[in-house]
Amino acid sequence: MTTNPTEDGPFEAETVERTAIEDYTFKLVEFSRPPSKGGNTRAQHRHAIKVQGIWYSWLALGAQKWAFVNDEVSFSWRWDKTRQYRNLVPESFQGWDKTGNLVNRGLRDTKAKLRTAPTRPPGSRSEWGE
């Protein structure tokens, strides 16, 4: 694998061919919402997978996994501008289950507006749940 920087700083996409994943994590990026306000189903999360000892990450809606540990995946990725993080290109992600069938897991949608403010506490102090 070789990277080729352009004048602006972004790097050309590289590919990881069909290979097994070792680990999968995700973390909520936007402000959390209680279930009564719609929950975090469509909130933006940072997903990350470990393939051959290297972590690749991307932003996606929801906490649903795109692949499980027994799955094999194939995808393209790019370096960020600082060359610290490998950013997976979500449109290129493909996964195969343990029987070899192509699967399409996770919430692969986008939304126009992200959450910009935290949820206000309830009016009654007894409902704060401290």
C-alpha atoms as a PDB file:
ATOM      1  CA  MET A   1       0.000   0.000   0.000  1.00  0.00           C
ATOM      2  CA  THR A   2       1.311   3.415  -0.929  1.00  0.00           C
ATOM      3  CA  THR A   3      -0.223   6.794  -0.301  1.00  0.00           C
ATOM      4  CA  ASN A   4       0.012   9.649  -2.736  1.00  0.00           C
ATOM      5  CA  PRO A   5      -0.593  13.115  -1.281  1.00  0.00           C
ATOM      6  CA  THR A   6      -1.962  15.796  -3.555  1.00  0.00           C
ATOM      7  CA  GLU A   7      -1.266  19.514  -3.402  1.00  0.00           C
ATOM      8  CA  ASP A   8      -4.184  20.158  -1.003  1.00  0.00           C
ATOM      9  CA  GLY A   9      -3.210  17.521   1.542  1.00  0.00           C
ATOM     10  CA  PRO A  10      -5.855  14.780   1.172  1.00  0.00           C
ATOM     11  CA  PHE A  11      -4.631  11.366   0.200  1.00  0.00           C
ATOM     12  CA  GLU A  12      -5.821   8.906  -2.407  1.00  0.00           C
ATOM     13  CA  ALA A  13      -7.975   6.049  -1.220  1.00  0.00           C
ATOM     14  CA  GLU A  14      -6.389   2.681  -0.522  1.00  0.00           C
ATOM     15  CA  THR A  15      -8.221  -0.591  -0.231  1.00  0.00           C
ATOM     16  CA  VAL A  16      -8.349  -3.450   2.225  1.00  0.00           C
ATOM     17  CA  GLU A  17      -9.465  -6.595   0.438  1.00  0.00           C
ATOM     18  CA  ARG A  18     -11.761  -9.218   1.931  1.00  0.00           C
ATOM     19  CA  THR A  19     -10.310 -10.004   5.349  1.00  0.00           C
ATOM     20  CA  ALA A  20     -11.552 -10.863   8.852  1.00  0.00           C
ATOM     21  CA  ILE A  21     -11.978  -8.156  11.489  1.00  0.00           C
ATOM     22  CA  GLU A  22     -10.478  -8.495  14.964  1.00  0.00           C
ATOM     23  CA  ASP A  23     -12.447  -5.909  16.955  1.00  0.00           C
ATOM     24  CA  TYR A  24     -15.306  -3.420  16.552  1.00  0.00           C
ATOM     25  CA  THR A  25     -16.152  -0.401  18.716  1.00  0.00           C
ATOM     26  CA  PHE A  26     -18.401   2.640  18.514  1.00  0.00           C
ATOM     27  CA  LYS A  27     -18.947   5.785  20.567  1.00  0.00           C
ATOM     28  CA  LEU A  28     -21.659   8.444  20.597  1.00  0.00           C
ATOM     29  CA  VAL A  29     -20.409  11.727  19.095  1.00  0.00           C
ATOM     30  CA  GLU A  30     -23.513  13.920  19.330  1.00  0.00           C
ATOM     31  CA  PHE A  31     -25.299  14.983  22.503  1.00  0.00           C
ATOM     32  CA  SER A  32     -27.256  12.163  24.134  1.00  0.00           C
ATOM     33  CA  ARG A  33     -31.063  12.193  24.148  1.00  0.00           C
ATOM     34  CA  PRO A  34     -33.406  10.290  26.480  1.00  0.00           C
ATOM     35  CA  PRO A  35     -35.718   7.706  24.884  1.00  0.00           C
ATOM     36  CA  SER A  36     -38.718   9.979  25.448  1.00  0.00           C
ATOM     37  CA  LYS A  37     -37.087  12.587  23.168  1.00  0.00           C
ATOM     38  CA  GLY A  38     -36.251  10.135  20.389  1.00  0.00           C
ATOM     39  CA  GLY A  39     -33.170   8.435  21.824  1.00  0.00           C
ATOM     40  CA  ASN A  40     -29.832   7.956  20.112  1.00  0.00           C
ATOM     41  CA  THR A  41     -30.956   5.655  17.282  1.00  0.00           C
ATOM     42  CA  ARG A  42     -30.224   8.268  14.625  1.00  0.00           C
ATOM     43  CA  ALA A  43     -27.455  10.096  16.479  1.00  0.00           C
ATOM     44  CA  GLN A  44     -23.999  10.227  14.955  1.00  0.00           C
ATOM     45  CA  HIS A  45     -21.494   7.663  16.287  1.00  0.00           C
ATOM     46  CA  ARG A  46     -17.806   7.101  15.582  1.00  0.00           C
ATOM     47  CA  HIS A  47     -17.370   3.486  14.488  1.00  0.00           C
ATOM     48  CA  ALA A  48     -13.976   1.782  14.406  1.00  0.00           C
ATOM     49  CA  ILE A  49     -12.799  -1.645  13.293  1.00  0.00           C
ATOM     50  CA  LYS A  50      -9.479  -3.364  13.785  1.00  0.00           C
ATOM     51  CA  VAL A  51      -8.150  -5.278  10.782  1.00  0.00           C
ATOM     52  CA  GLN A  52      -4.728  -6.954  10.861  1.00  0.00           C
ATOM     53  CA  GLY A  53      -3.780  -4.933  13.948  1.00  0.00           C
ATOM     54  CA  ILE A  54      -4.698  -1.541  12.412  1.00  0.00           C
ATOM     55  CA  TRP A  55      -7.693   0.609  13.433  1.00  0.00           C
ATOM     56  CA  TYR A  56      -9.917   2.265  10.802  1.00  0.00           C
ATOM     57  CA  SER A  57     -12.719   4.671  11.805  1.00  0.00           C
ATOM     58  CA  TRP A  58     -15.716   6.460  10.263  1.00  0.00           C
ATOM     59  CA  LEU A  59     -18.803   8.425  11.281  1.00  0.00           C
ATOM     60  CA  ALA A  60     -22.237   6.859  10.867  1.00  0.00           C
ATOM     61  CA  LEU A  61     -25.735   7.157  12.263  1.00  0.00           C
ATOM     62  CA  GLY A  62     -26.758   4.828  15.069  1.00  0.00           C
ATOM     63  CA  ALA A  63     -24.948   2.293  17.200  1.00  0.00           C
ATOM     64  CA  GLN A  64     -25.833  -0.695  15.017  1.00  0.00           C
ATOM     65  CA  LYS A  65     -22.717  -2.587  14.007  1.00  0.00           C
ATOM     66  CA  TRP A  66     -21.859  -2.745  10.329  1.00  0.00           C
ATOM     67  CA  ALA A  67     -19.995  -6.045  10.803  1.00  0.00           C
ATOM     68  CA  PHE A  68     -19.484  -8.685  13.474  1.00  0.00           C
ATOM     69  CA  VAL A  69     -16.219 -10.268  14.588  1.00  0.00           C
ATOM     70  CA  ASN A  70     -16.916 -13.457  12.558  1.00  0.00           C
ATOM     71  CA  ASP A  71     -17.479 -11.408   9.378  1.00  0.00           C
ATOM     72  CA  GLU A  72     -15.076 -10.576   6.588  1.00  0.00           C
ATOM     73  CA  VAL A  73     -14.932  -7.034   5.227  1.00  0.00           C
ATOM     74  CA  SER A  74     -13.595  -5.092   2.270  1.00  0.00           C
ATOM     75  CA  PHE A  75     -13.336  -1.293   2.111  1.00  0.00           C
ATOM     76  CA  SER A  76     -11.369   1.742   0.984  1.00  0.00           C
ATOM     77  CA  TRP A  77      -9.712   4.180   3.368  1.00  0.00           C
ATOM     78  CA  ARG A  78      -7.838   7.503   3.384  1.00  0.00           C
ATOM     79  CA  TRP A  79      -5.446   9.201   5.752  1.00  0.00           C
ATOM     80  CA  ASP A  80      -6.705  12.322   7.515  1.00  0.00           C
ATOM     81  CA  LYS A  81      -4.823  15.584   6.914  1.00  0.00           C
ATOM     82  CA  THR A  82      -2.472  14.959   9.854  1.00  0.00           C
ATOM     83  CA  ARG A  83      -1.737  11.351   8.800  1.00  0.00           C
ATOM     84  CA  GLN A  84      -2.731  10.132  12.274  1.00  0.00           C
ATOM     85  CA  TYR A  85      -6.039   8.412  11.531  1.00  0.00           C
ATOM     86  CA  ARG A  86      -7.177   6.030   8.833  1.00  0.00           C
ATOM     87  CA  ASN A  87     -10.673   7.113   7.788  1.00  0.00           C
ATOM     88  CA  LEU A  88     -12.794   4.406   6.220  1.00  0.00           C
ATOM     89  CA  VAL A  89     -14.881   5.436   3.189  1.00  0.00           C
ATOM     90  CA  PRO A  90     -18.410   4.323   4.227  1.00  0.00           C
ATOM     91  CA  GLU A  91     -19.694   3.995   0.643  1.00  0.00           C
ATOM     92  CA  SER A  92     -17.040   1.372  -0.106  1.00  0.00           C
ATOM     93  CA  PHE A  93     -17.734  -0.860   2.921  1.00  0.00           C
ATOM     94  CA  GLN A  94     -18.824  -4.423   2.122  1.00  0.00           C
ATOM     95  CA  GLY A  95     -19.290  -7.266   4.576  1.00  0.00           C
ATOM     96  CA  TRP A  96     -19.683 -11.027   4.299  1.00  0.00           C
ATOM     97  CA  ASP A  97     -21.098 -13.183   7.095  1.00  0.00           C
ATOM     98  CA  LYS A  98     -19.453 -16.408   8.299  1.00  0.00           C
ATOM     99  CA  THR A  99     -21.212 -18.449   5.600  1.00  0.00           C
ATOM    100  CA  GLY A 100     -19.900 -16.181   2.818  1.00  0.00           C
ATOM    101  CA  ASN A 101     -23.120 -14.292   2.051  1.00  0.00           C
ATOM    102  CA  LEU A 102     -22.884 -10.575   1.293  1.00  0.00           C
ATOM    103  CA  VAL A 103     -24.616  -8.667   4.128  1.00  0.00           C
ATOM    104  CA  ASN A 104     -25.624  -5.034   4.527  1.00  0.00           C
ATOM    105  CA  ARG A 105     -25.747  -4.230   8.243  1.00  0.00           C
ATOM    106  CA  GLY A 106     -25.982  -0.992  10.177  1.00  0.00           C
ATOM    107  CA  LEU A 107     -27.741   2.279   9.563  1.00  0.00           C
ATOM    108  CA  ARG A 108     -26.162   3.605   6.349  1.00  0.00           C
ATOM    109  CA  ASP A 109     -28.242   6.749   6.078  1.00  0.00           C
ATOM    110  CA  THR A 110     -27.266  10.374   6.605  1.00  0.00           C
ATOM    111  CA  LYS A 111     -29.047  13.354   8.114  1.00  0.00           C
ATOM    112  CA  ALA A 112     -28.885  17.013   7.216  1.00  0.00           C
ATOM    113  CA  LYS A 113     -28.669  18.549  10.683  1.00  0.00           C
ATOM    114  CA  LEU A 114     -26.644  17.335  13.661  1.00  0.00           C
ATOM    115  CA  ARG A 115     -27.533  17.922  17.310  1.00  0.00           C
ATOM    116  CA  THR A 116     -26.009  21.132  18.576  1.00  0.00           C
ATOM    117  CA  ALA A 117     -27.443  21.447  22.094  1.00  0.00           C
ATOM    118  CA  PRO A 118     -27.699  19.113  25.078  1.00  0.00           C
ATOM    119  CA  THR A 119     -31.065  17.985  26.401  1.00  0.00           C
ATOM    120  CA  ARG A 120     -32.536  20.174  29.104  1.00  0.00           C
ATOM    121  CA  PRO A 121     -33.199  18.535  32.473  1.00  0.00           C
ATOM    122  CA  PRO A 122     -36.827  17.899  33.474  1.00  0.00           C
ATOM    123  CA  GLY A 123     -38.692  20.687  35.240  1.00  0.00           C
ATOM    124  CA  SER A 124     -39.066  18.704  38.456  1.00  0.00           C
ATOM    125  CA  ARG A 125     -35.842  18.255  40.427  1.00  0.00           C
ATOM    126  CA  SER A 126     -37.028  14.799  41.601  1.00  0.00           C
ATOM    127  CA  GLU A 127     -37.006  13.571  37.964  1.00  0.00           C
ATOM    128  CA  TRP A 128     -33.344  14.430  37.338  1.00  0.00           C
ATOM    129  CA  GLY A 129     -32.242  10.904  38.235  1.00  0.00           C
ATOM    130  CA  GLU A 130     -29.139  11.845  40.212  1.00  0.00           C
END
